[in-house]
PDB file of N, CA and C in Angstrom:
ATOM      1  N   MET A   1     -71.670  48.881  28.962  1.00  0.00           N
ATOM      2  CA  MET A   1     -72.118  49.871  27.945  1.00  0.00           C
ATOM      3  C   MET A   1     -70.579  50.443  28.072  1.00  0.00           C
ATOM      4  N   VAL A   2     -70.208  50.943  26.879  1.00  0.00           N
ATOM      5  CA  VAL A   2     -68.945  51.959  26.448  1.00  0.00           C
ATOM      6  C   VAL A   2     -69.656  53.091  26.687  1.00  0.00           C
ATOM      7  N   SER A   3     -68.623  53.944  27.467  1.00  0.00           N
ATOM      8  CA  SER A   3     -69.220  55.449  27.817  1.00  0.00           C
ATOM      9  C   SER A   3     -68.053  56.194  27.272  1.00  0.00           C
ATOM     10  N   LYS A   4     -66.760  55.834  27.740  1.00  0.00           N
ATOM     11  CA  LYS A   4     -65.932  57.054  27.304  1.00  0.00           C
ATOM     12  C   LYS A   4     -64.371  55.782  26.990  1.00  0.00           C
ATOM     13  N   CYS A   5     -63.566  56.811  26.519  1.00  0.00           N
ATOM     14  CA  CYS A   5     -62.444  56.272  26.253  1.00  0.00           C
ATOM     15  C   CYS A   5     -61.806  55.274  27.250  1.00  0.00           C
ATOM     16  N   ALA A   6     -61.199  53.995  27.230  1.00  0.00           N
ATOM     17  CA  ALA A   6     -60.418  53.059  27.916  1.00  0.00           C
ATOM     18  C   ALA A   6     -59.381  53.372  28.804  1.00  0.00           C
ATOM     19  N   ASN A   7     -59.014  54.658  27.954  1.00  0.00           N
ATOM     20  CA  ASN A   7     -57.271  55.194  28.583  1.00  0.00           C
ATOM     21  C   ASN A   7     -58.128  56.200  29.363  1.00  0.00           C
ATOM     22  N   PRO A   8     -57.453  55.748  31.237  1.00  0.00           N
ATOM     23  CA  PRO A   8     -58.059  56.348  32.461  1.00  0.00           C
ATOM     24  C   PRO A   8     -57.442  57.826  32.382  1.00  0.00           C
ATOM     25  N   GLY A   9     -56.219  58.220  31.785  1.00  0.00           N
ATOM     26  CA  GLY A   9     -56.065  59.766  31.436  1.00  0.00           C
ATOM     27  C   GLY A   9     -56.998  60.568  30.282  1.00  0.00           C
ATOM     28  N   CYS A  10     -57.551  60.034  29.534  1.00  0.00           N
ATOM     29  CA  CYS A  10     -58.250  60.366  28.539  1.00  0.00           C
ATOM     30  C   CYS A  10     -59.764  60.788  28.705  1.00  0.00           C
ATOM     31  N   PRO A  11     -60.394  62.172  28.685  1.00  0.00           N
ATOM     32  CA  PRO A  11     -61.793  62.327  28.939  1.00  0.00           C
ATOM     33  C   PRO A  11     -62.723  62.181  27.679  1.00  0.00           C
ATOM     34  N   ALA A  12     -62.325  61.580  26.500  1.00  0.00           N
ATOM     35  CA  ALA A  12     -63.160  61.602  25.478  1.00  0.00           C
ATOM     36  C   ALA A  12     -64.550  60.581  25.897  1.00  0.00           C
ATOM     37  N   SER A  13     -65.719  61.320  25.474  1.00  0.00           N
ATOM     38  CA  SER A  13     -66.816  60.128  25.431  1.00  0.00           C
ATOM     39  C   SER A  13     -67.074  59.548  23.865  1.00  0.00           C
ATOM     40  N   PHE A  14     -67.721  58.191  24.336  1.00  0.00           N
ATOM     41  CA  PHE A  14     -68.237  57.912  23.148  1.00  0.00           C
ATOM     42  C   PHE A  14     -69.276  58.214  22.766  1.00  0.00           C
ATOM     43  N   LEU A  15     -69.177  58.251  21.324  1.00  0.00           N
ATOM     44  CA  LEU A  15     -70.385  58.875  20.503  1.00  0.00           C
ATOM     45  C   LEU A  15     -70.704  58.052  19.729  1.00  0.00           C
ATOM     46  N   TYR A  16     -69.796  57.649  18.867  1.00  0.00           N
ATOM     47  CA  TYR A  16     -70.112  57.098  17.240  1.00  0.00           C
ATOM     48  C   TYR A  16     -69.045  55.927  16.817  1.00  0.00           C
ATOM     49  N   LEU A  17     -69.709  54.853  16.275  1.00  0.00           N
ATOM     50  CA  LEU A  17     -68.977  53.453  16.008  1.00  0.00           C
ATOM     51  C   LEU A  17     -67.882  53.757  15.075  1.00  0.00           C
ATOM     52  N   HIS A  18     -68.061  55.199  14.133  1.00  0.00           N
ATOM     53  CA  HIS A  18     -66.982  55.205  13.340  1.00  0.00           C
ATOM     54  C   HIS A  18     -65.834  55.873  13.747  1.00  0.00           C
ATOM     55  N   GLN A  19     -65.885  56.612  15.097  1.00  0.00           N
ATOM     56  CA  GLN A  19     -64.649  56.936  15.654  1.00  0.00           C
ATOM     57  C   GLN A  19     -63.770  56.263  16.813  1.00  0.00           C
ATOM     58  N   GLY A  20     -62.738  56.270  16.337  1.00  0.00           N
ATOM     59  CA  GLY A  20     -61.763  55.775  17.648  1.00  0.00           C
ATOM     60  C   GLY A  20     -61.733  53.973  17.055  1.00  0.00           C
ATOM     61  N   LYS A  21     -61.402  53.455  17.970  1.00  0.00           N
ATOM     62  CA  LYS A  21     -61.382  51.700  17.880  1.00  0.00           C
ATOM     63  C   LYS A  21     -61.928  51.120  18.765  1.00  0.00           C
ATOM     64  N   LEU A  22     -62.958  50.063  18.748  1.00  0.00           N
ATOM     65  CA  LEU A  22     -63.321  49.346  19.599  1.00  0.00           C
ATOM     66  C   LEU A  22     -62.768  47.834  19.593  1.00  0.00           C
ATOM     67  N   PHE A  23     -62.840  47.408  20.735  1.00  0.00           N
ATOM     68  CA  PHE A  23     -62.578  46.147  21.316  1.00  0.00           C
ATOM     69  C   PHE A  23     -63.312  45.386  21.946  1.00  0.00           C
ATOM     70  N   ARG A  24     -63.438  44.222  21.308  1.00  0.00           N
ATOM     71  CA  ARG A  24     -64.307  43.319  22.122  1.00  0.00           C
ATOM     72  C   ARG A  24     -62.964  42.062  22.551  1.00  0.00           C
ATOM     73  N   ALA A  25     -63.510  41.804  23.999  1.00  0.00           N
ATOM     74  CA  ALA A  25     -62.774  40.735  24.967  1.00  0.00           C
ATOM     75  C   ALA A  25     -63.696  39.846  25.824  1.00  0.00           C
ATOM     76  N   GLU A  26     -63.037  38.569  25.523  1.00  0.00           N
ATOM     77  CA  GLU A  26     -63.836  37.559  26.383  1.00  0.00           C
ATOM     78  C   GLU A  26     -63.096  37.282  27.651  1.00  0.00           C
ATOM     79  N   VAL A  27     -63.949  37.620  28.815  1.00  0.00           N
ATOM     80  CA  VAL A  27     -63.056  37.465  30.205  1.00  0.00           C
ATOM     81  C   VAL A  27     -63.915  36.393  30.771  1.00  0.00           C
ATOM     82  N   GLU A  28     -62.897  35.646  31.215  1.00  0.00           N
ATOM     83  CA  GLU A  28     -63.165  34.435  31.679  1.00  0.00           C
ATOM     84  C   GLU A  28     -63.696  34.641  33.215  1.00  0.00           C
ATOM     85  N   PRO A  29     -64.268  33.561  33.638  1.00  0.00           N
ATOM     86  CA  PRO A  29     -64.318  33.984  35.504  1.00  0.00           C
ATOM     87  C   PRO A  29     -63.097  33.420  36.010  1.00  0.00           C
ATOM     88  N   HIS A  30     -62.978  33.975  37.238  1.00  0.00           N
ATOM     89  CA  HIS A  30     -61.927  33.823  38.045  1.00  0.00           C
ATOM     90  C   HIS A  30     -61.303  32.684  38.365  1.00  0.00           C
ATOM     91  N   GLU A  31     -59.955  32.000  38.481  1.00  0.00           N
ATOM     92  CA  GLU A  31     -59.702  30.580  38.770  1.00  0.00           C
ATOM     93  C   GLU A  31     -60.215  30.213  40.076  1.00  0.00           C
ATOM     94  N   SER A  32     -60.362  31.122  40.911  1.00  0.00           N
ATOM     95  CA  SER A  32     -60.690  30.627  42.312  1.00  0.00           C
ATOM     96  C   SER A  32     -62.171  30.573  42.411  1.00  0.00           C
ATOM     97  N   GLU A  33     -63.003  30.356  41.527  1.00  0.00           N
ATOM     98  CA  GLU A  33     -64.427  30.100  41.748  1.00  0.00           C
ATOM     99  C   GLU A  33     -64.248  28.769  41.315  1.00  0.00           C
ATOM    100  N   GLY A  34     -63.373  27.956  40.999  1.00  0.00           N
ATOM    101  CA  GLY A  34     -63.307  26.557  41.311  1.00  0.00           C
ATOM    102  C   GLY A  34     -63.487  26.012  39.952  1.00  0.00           C
ATOM    103  N   LEU A  35     -64.191  26.542  39.081  1.00  0.00           N
ATOM    104  CA  LEU A  35     -64.389  25.824  37.705  1.00  0.00           C
ATOM    105  C   LEU A  35     -63.437  25.516  36.839  1.00  0.00           C
ATOM    106  N   THR A  36     -63.663  23.906  36.353  1.00  0.00           N
ATOM    107  CA  THR A  36     -63.126  23.564  35.112  1.00  0.00           C
ATOM    108  C   THR A  36     -62.441  24.262  34.156  1.00  0.00           C
ATOM    109  N   PRO A  37     -61.434  24.364  33.189  1.00  0.00           N
ATOM    110  CA  PRO A  37     -61.358  25.347  32.169  1.00  0.00           C
ATOM    111  C   PRO A  37     -62.623  25.059  31.257  1.00  0.00           C
ATOM    112  N   GLU A  38     -63.197  23.451  30.819  1.00  0.00           N
ATOM    113  CA  GLU A  38     -63.910  23.844  29.944  1.00  0.00           C
ATOM    114  C   GLU A  38     -65.244  24.324  30.365  1.00  0.00           C
ATOM    115  N   VAL A  39     -66.011  24.165  31.935  1.00  0.00           N
ATOM    116  CA  VAL A  39     -66.875  24.969  32.405  1.00  0.00           C
ATOM    117  C   VAL A  39     -66.459  26.640  32.213  1.00  0.00           C
ATOM    118  N   SER A  40     -65.256  27.115  32.808  1.00  0.00           N
ATOM    119  CA  SER A  40     -64.642  28.468  32.693  1.00  0.00           C
ATOM    120  C   SER A  40     -64.995  29.027  31.747  1.00  0.00           C
ATOM    121  N   ARG A  41     -64.736  28.337  30.048  1.00  0.00           N
ATOM    122  CA  ARG A  41     -64.644  28.924  29.056  1.00  0.00           C
ATOM    123  C   ARG A  41     -66.195  29.010  28.663  1.00  0.00           C
ATOM    124  N   ALA A  42     -67.057  28.213  28.929  1.00  0.00           N
ATOM    125  CA  ALA A  42     -68.563  28.091  28.925  1.00  0.00           C
ATOM    126  C   ALA A  42     -69.336  29.557  29.526  1.00  0.00           C
ATOM    127  N   HIS A  43     -68.584  30.127  30.715  1.00  0.00           N
ATOM    128  CA  HIS A  43     -68.990  30.835  31.536  1.00  0.00           C
ATOM    129  C   HIS A  43     -68.617  32.526  31.252  1.00  0.00           C
ATOM    130  N   ALA A  44     -68.028  32.277  30.240  1.00  0.00           N
ATOM    131  CA  ALA A  44     -66.991  33.305  29.956  1.00  0.00           C
ATOM    132  C   ALA A  44     -68.148  34.735  29.480  1.00  0.00           C
ATOM    133  N   ARG A  45     -67.782  35.948  29.890  1.00  0.00           N
ATOM    134  CA  ARG A  45     -68.220  37.102  29.445  1.00  0.00           C
ATOM    135  C   ARG A  45     -67.994  37.948  28.394  1.00  0.00           C
ATOM    136  N   VAL A  46     -68.449  38.451  27.803  1.00  0.00           N
ATOM    137  CA  VAL A  46     -68.248  39.496  26.715  1.00  0.00           C
ATOM    138  C   VAL A  46     -68.052  41.058  27.201  1.00  0.00           C
ATOM    139  N   GLU A  47     -66.915  41.913  27.184  1.00  0.00           N
ATOM    140  CA  GLU A  47     -66.565  42.996  27.294  1.00  0.00           C
ATOM    141  C   GLU A  47     -66.267  43.923  26.151  1.00  0.00           C
ATOM    142  N   PHE A  48     -66.848  44.848  26.454  1.00  0.00           N
ATOM    143  CA  PHE A  48     -66.293  46.094  24.997  1.00  0.00           C
ATOM    144  C   PHE A  48     -65.598  47.147  25.723  1.00  0.00           C
ATOM    145  N   HIS A  49     -64.759  47.483  25.168  1.00  0.00           N
ATOM    146  CA  HIS A  49     -63.784  48.719  25.470  1.00  0.00           C
ATOM    147  C   HIS A  49     -63.501  49.759  24.105  1.00  0.00           C
ATOM    148  N   TRP A  50     -63.230  50.871  24.330  1.00  0.00           N
ATOM    149  CA  TRP A  50     -63.085  51.745  23.253  1.00  0.00           C
ATOM    150  C   TRP A  50     -62.478  52.732  23.401  1.00  0.00           C
ATOM    151  N   LEU A  51     -61.207  52.942  22.179  1.00  0.00           N
ATOM    152  CA  LEU A  51     -60.245  53.760  22.671  1.00  0.00           C
ATOM    153  C   LEU A  51     -60.716  55.122  21.453  1.00  0.00           C
ATOM    154  N   CYS A  52     -60.494  56.584  21.856  1.00  0.00           N
ATOM    155  CA  CYS A  52     -60.714  57.334  20.863  1.00  0.00           C
ATOM    156  C   CYS A  52     -59.630  57.277  20.057  1.00  0.00           C
ATOM    157  N   ASP A  53     -60.064  57.973  18.727  1.00  0.00           N
ATOM    158  CA  ASP A  53     -59.022  58.625  17.813  1.00  0.00           C
ATOM    159  C   ASP A  53     -57.607  58.906  18.130  1.00  0.00           C
ATOM    160  N   ASP A  54     -57.531  59.890  19.016  1.00  0.00           N
ATOM    161  CA  ASP A  54     -56.296  60.126  19.596  1.00  0.00           C
ATOM    162  C   ASP A  54     -55.680  58.837  20.169  1.00  0.00           C
ATOM    163  N   CYS A  55     -56.247  58.429  21.226  1.00  0.00           N
ATOM    164  CA  CYS A  55     -55.454  57.407  21.967  1.00  0.00           C
ATOM    165  C   CYS A  55     -55.122  56.248  21.037  1.00  0.00           C
ATOM    166  N   ALA A  56     -55.851  55.448  20.159  1.00  0.00           N
ATOM    167  CA  ALA A  56     -55.875  54.650  19.306  1.00  0.00           C
ATOM    168  C   ALA A  56     -54.726  54.777  18.684  1.00  0.00           C
ATOM    169  N   VAL A  57     -54.051  55.912  18.258  1.00  0.00           N
ATOM    170  CA  VAL A  57     -52.961  56.084  17.437  1.00  0.00           C
ATOM    171  C   VAL A  57     -51.946  55.695  18.124  1.00  0.00           C
ATOM    172  N   THR A  58     -51.601  55.661  19.370  1.00  0.00           N
ATOM    173  CA  THR A  58     -50.319  55.348  20.193  1.00  0.00           C
ATOM    174  C   THR A  58     -50.734  54.175  20.957  1.00  0.00           C
ATOM    175  N   MET A  59     -51.780  54.130  21.518  1.00  0.00           N
ATOM    176  CA  MET A  59     -52.254  52.804  22.217  1.00  0.00           C
ATOM    177  C   MET A  59     -52.788  51.786  21.882  1.00  0.00           C
ATOM    178  N   THR A  60     -52.966  50.627  22.441  1.00  0.00           N
ATOM    179  CA  THR A  60     -54.327  49.572  22.299  1.00  0.00           C
ATOM    180  C   THR A  60     -54.313  48.792  23.690  1.00  0.00           C
ATOM    181  N   LEU A  61     -55.203  47.989  23.533  1.00  0.00           N
ATOM    182  CA  LEU A  61     -55.559  47.232  24.564  1.00  0.00           C
ATOM    183  C   LEU A  61     -54.984  45.859  24.989  1.00  0.00           C
ATOM    184  N   ALA A  62     -54.919  45.432  26.135  1.00  0.00           N
ATOM    185  CA  ALA A  62     -54.555  43.932  26.142  1.00  0.00           C
ATOM    186  C   ALA A  62     -55.230  43.369  27.386  1.00  0.00           C
ATOM    187  N   TYR A  63     -55.451  41.772  27.426  1.00  0.00           N
ATOM    188  CA  TYR A  63     -55.955  41.489  28.608  1.00  0.00           C
ATOM    189  C   TYR A  63     -54.730  40.570  29.109  1.00  0.00           C
ATOM    190  N   LYS A  64     -54.895  40.875  30.373  1.00  0.00           N
ATOM    191  CA  LYS A  64     -53.800  40.395  31.324  1.00  0.00           C
ATOM    192  C   LYS A  64     -54.695  39.581  32.418  1.00  0.00           C
ATOM    193  N   ARG A  65     -54.298  38.315  32.353  1.00  0.00           N
ATOM    194  CA  ARG A  65     -54.963  37.500  33.312  1.00  0.00           C
ATOM    195  C   ARG A  65     -55.082  37.438  34.719  1.00  0.00           C
ATOM    196  N   GLY A  66     -56.297  37.706  35.401  1.00  0.00           N
ATOM    197  CA  GLY A  66     -56.095  38.341  36.951  1.00  0.00           C
ATOM    198  C   GLY A  66     -56.288  39.560  36.951  1.00  0.00           C
ATOM    199  N   LEU A  67     -55.706  40.345  35.820  1.00  0.00           N
ATOM    200  CA  LEU A  67     -55.811  41.662  36.067  1.00  0.00           C
ATOM    201  C   LEU A  67     -57.312  42.780  35.092  1.00  0.00           C
ATOM    202  N   GLY A  68     -57.314  42.008  34.101  1.00  0.00           N
ATOM    203  CA  GLY A  68     -58.341  42.206  33.074  1.00  0.00           C
ATOM    204  C   GLY A  68     -57.797  43.093  31.686  1.00  0.00           C
ATOM    205  N   VAL A  69     -58.664  43.938  31.331  1.00  0.00           N
ATOM    206  CA  VAL A  69     -58.081  44.616  30.444  1.00  0.00           C
ATOM    207  C   VAL A  69     -57.157  45.874  30.660  1.00  0.00           C
ATOM    208  N   ALA A  70     -56.082  46.208  30.179  1.00  0.00           N
ATOM    209  CA  ALA A  70     -55.383  47.284  30.554  1.00  0.00           C
ATOM    210  C   ALA A  70     -55.247  48.038  29.000  1.00  0.00           C
ATOM    211  N   VAL A  71     -54.505  49.180  29.151  1.00  0.00           N
ATOM    212  CA  VAL A  71     -53.874  50.296  27.971  1.00  0.00           C
ATOM    213  C   VAL A  71     -52.809  49.803  27.978  1.00  0.00           C
ATOM    214  N   VAL A  72     -52.093  49.835  27.010  1.00  0.00           N
ATOM    215  CA  VAL A  72     -50.783  49.569  26.722  1.00  0.00           C
ATOM    216  C   VAL A  72     -50.045  50.309  25.574  1.00  0.00           C
ATOM    217  N   PRO A  73     -48.797  50.948  25.533  1.00  0.00           N
ATOM    218  CA  PRO A  73     -48.339  51.537  24.220  1.00  0.00           C
ATOM    219  C   PRO A  73     -48.199  50.691  23.039  1.00  0.00           C
ATOM    220  N   LEU A  74     -48.377  50.995  22.033  1.00  0.00           N
ATOM    221  CA  LEU A  74     -48.161  50.382  20.541  1.00  0.00           C
ATOM    222  C   LEU A  74     -46.682  50.723  20.784  1.00  0.00           C
ATOM    223  N   ALA A  75     -45.969  48.973  19.948  1.00  0.00           N
ATOM    224  CA  ALA A  75     -44.771  49.138  19.899  1.00  0.00           C
ATOM    225  C   ALA A  75     -43.908  49.844  19.184  1.00  0.00           C
ATOM    226  N   ARG A  76     -45.030  50.433  18.209  1.00  0.00           N
ATOM    227  CA  ARG A  76     -44.587  51.598  17.160  1.00  0.00           C
ATOM    228  C   ARG A  76     -45.240  52.310  16.785  1.00  0.00           C
ATOM    229  N   PRO A  77     -45.740  53.257  16.696  1.00  0.00           N
ATOM    230  CA  PRO A  77     -46.938  54.418  16.156  1.00  0.00           C
ATOM    231  C   PRO A  77     -46.706  53.990  14.862  1.00  0.00           C
ATOM    232  N   PRO A  78     -47.820  54.162  14.078  1.00  0.00           N
ATOM    233  CA  PRO A  78     -48.068  54.251  12.680  1.00  0.00           C
ATOM    234  C   PRO A  78     -47.508  55.441  11.856  1.00  0.00           C
ATOM    235  N   LEU A  79     -46.512  55.480  10.888  1.00  0.00           N
ATOM    236  CA  LEU A  79     -46.247  56.712  10.200  1.00  0.00           C
ATOM    237  C   LEU A  79     -47.408  57.057   9.332  1.00  0.00           C
ATOM    238  N   PRO A  80     -47.441  58.433   9.520  1.00  0.00           N
ATOM    239  CA  PRO A  80     -48.318  59.282   8.600  1.00  0.00           C
ATOM    240  C   PRO A  80     -47.884  58.785   6.977  1.00  0.00           C
ATOM    241  N   SER A  81     -49.027  58.763   6.321  1.00  0.00           N
ATOM    242  CA  SER A  81     -48.911  58.387   5.031  1.00  0.00           C
ATOM    243  C   SER A  81     -47.839  59.249   4.364  1.00  0.00           C
ATOM    244  N   LYS A  82     -47.611  60.807   4.202  1.00  0.00           N
ATOM    245  CA  LYS A  82     -46.985  61.163   3.527  1.00  0.00           C
ATOM    246  C   LYS A  82     -45.312  60.993   4.026  1.00  0.00           C
ATOM    247  N   THR A  83     -45.183  60.945   5.485  1.00  0.00           N
ATOM    248  CA  THR A  83     -43.725  59.999   6.094  1.00  0.00           C
ATOM    249  C   THR A  83     -43.453  59.061   5.502  1.00  0.00           C
ATOM    250  N   MET A  84     -44.509  58.212   5.140  1.00  0.00           N
ATOM    251  CA  MET A  84     -44.240  56.758   4.689  1.00  0.00           C
ATOM    252  C   MET A  84     -43.866  56.600   3.538  1.00  0.00           C
ATOM    253  N   ALA A  85     -44.293  57.388   2.500  1.00  0.00           N
ATOM    254  CA  ALA A  85     -44.050  57.833   1.400  1.00  0.00           C
ATOM    255  C   ALA A  85     -42.569  58.203   0.961  1.00  0.00           C
ATOM    256  N   SER A  86     -42.080  58.940   1.607  1.00  0.00           N
ATOM    257  CA  SER A  86     -41.083  59.492   1.875  1.00  0.00           C
ATOM    258  C   SER A  86     -39.809  58.427   2.284  1.00  0.00           C
ATOM    259  N   ALA A  87     -40.114  57.862   3.288  1.00  0.00           N
ATOM    260  CA  ALA A  87     -39.202  56.907   3.812  1.00  0.00           C
ATOM    261  C   ALA A  87     -39.404  55.777   2.765  1.00  0.00           C
ATOM    262  N   GLN A  88     -40.270  55.085   2.104  1.00  0.00           N
ATOM    263  CA  GLN A  88     -40.144  54.215   0.742  1.00  0.00           C
ATOM    264  C   GLN A  88     -39.583  54.226  -0.110  1.00  0.00           C
ATOM    265  N   SER A  89     -39.365  55.793  -0.531  1.00  0.00           N
ATOM    266  CA  SER A  89     -38.523  56.570  -1.700  1.00  0.00           C
ATOM    267  C   SER A  89     -37.121  56.316  -1.260  1.00  0.00           C
ATOM    268  N   ALA A  90     -36.662  56.760   0.140  1.00  0.00           N
ATOM    269  CA  ALA A  90     -35.661  56.855   0.658  1.00  0.00           C
ATOM    270  C   ALA A  90     -35.002  55.311   0.530  1.00  0.00           C
ATOM    271  N   ALA A  91     -35.625  54.630   0.639  1.00  0.00           N
ATOM    272  CA  ALA A  91     -35.120  53.275   0.691  1.00  0.00           C
ATOM    273  C   ALA A  91     -34.820  52.514  -0.369  1.00  0.00           C
ATOM    274  N   THR A  92     -35.713  53.186  -1.550  1.00  0.00           N
ATOM    275  CA  THR A  92     -35.516  52.231  -2.642  1.00  0.00           C
ATOM    276  C   THR A  92     -34.673  53.273  -3.585  1.00  0.00           C
ATOM    277  N   GLY A  93     -34.310  54.278  -3.214  1.00  0.00           N
ATOM    278  CA  GLY A  93     -33.275  54.953  -4.196  1.00  0.00           C
ATOM    279  C   GLY A  93     -33.659  55.936  -5.190  1.00  0.00           C
ATOM    280  N   SER A  94     -35.091  55.946  -4.598  1.00  0.00           N
ATOM    281  CA  SER A  94     -35.988  56.847  -6.039  1.00  0.00           C
ATOM    282  C   SER A  94     -35.961  58.570  -5.726  1.00  0.00           C
TER     283      SER A  94
END
C-alpha cells in the first residue's frame, strides 16, 4: 500500500489519486531463487509507488534489477507554460 512519497527525503503523505504521480512496477523474483525466465515472469508481483506533485516535477522512478525501484532525477525538468511560450516565440522570431 502506498502511504507516502517514494522520495525518501520527502515527508508528503499519499491522500488522493489526482495529486502527484502513481507508478506501477512489475517486480520479478530474485535470480537467486533458481527460477527459469518463464516461471520467474509468471511469479512477478506488482508494486505501486507514488511521487508527490513537488517531487514529480524534478524526479521519476526507475527499476534497477537487483536493487528495486529507485528515485532518479529527470533528464530535464519541464518548462512552465509561460516560459515555454516565450522560448517558442524567440525560436520562431515572432
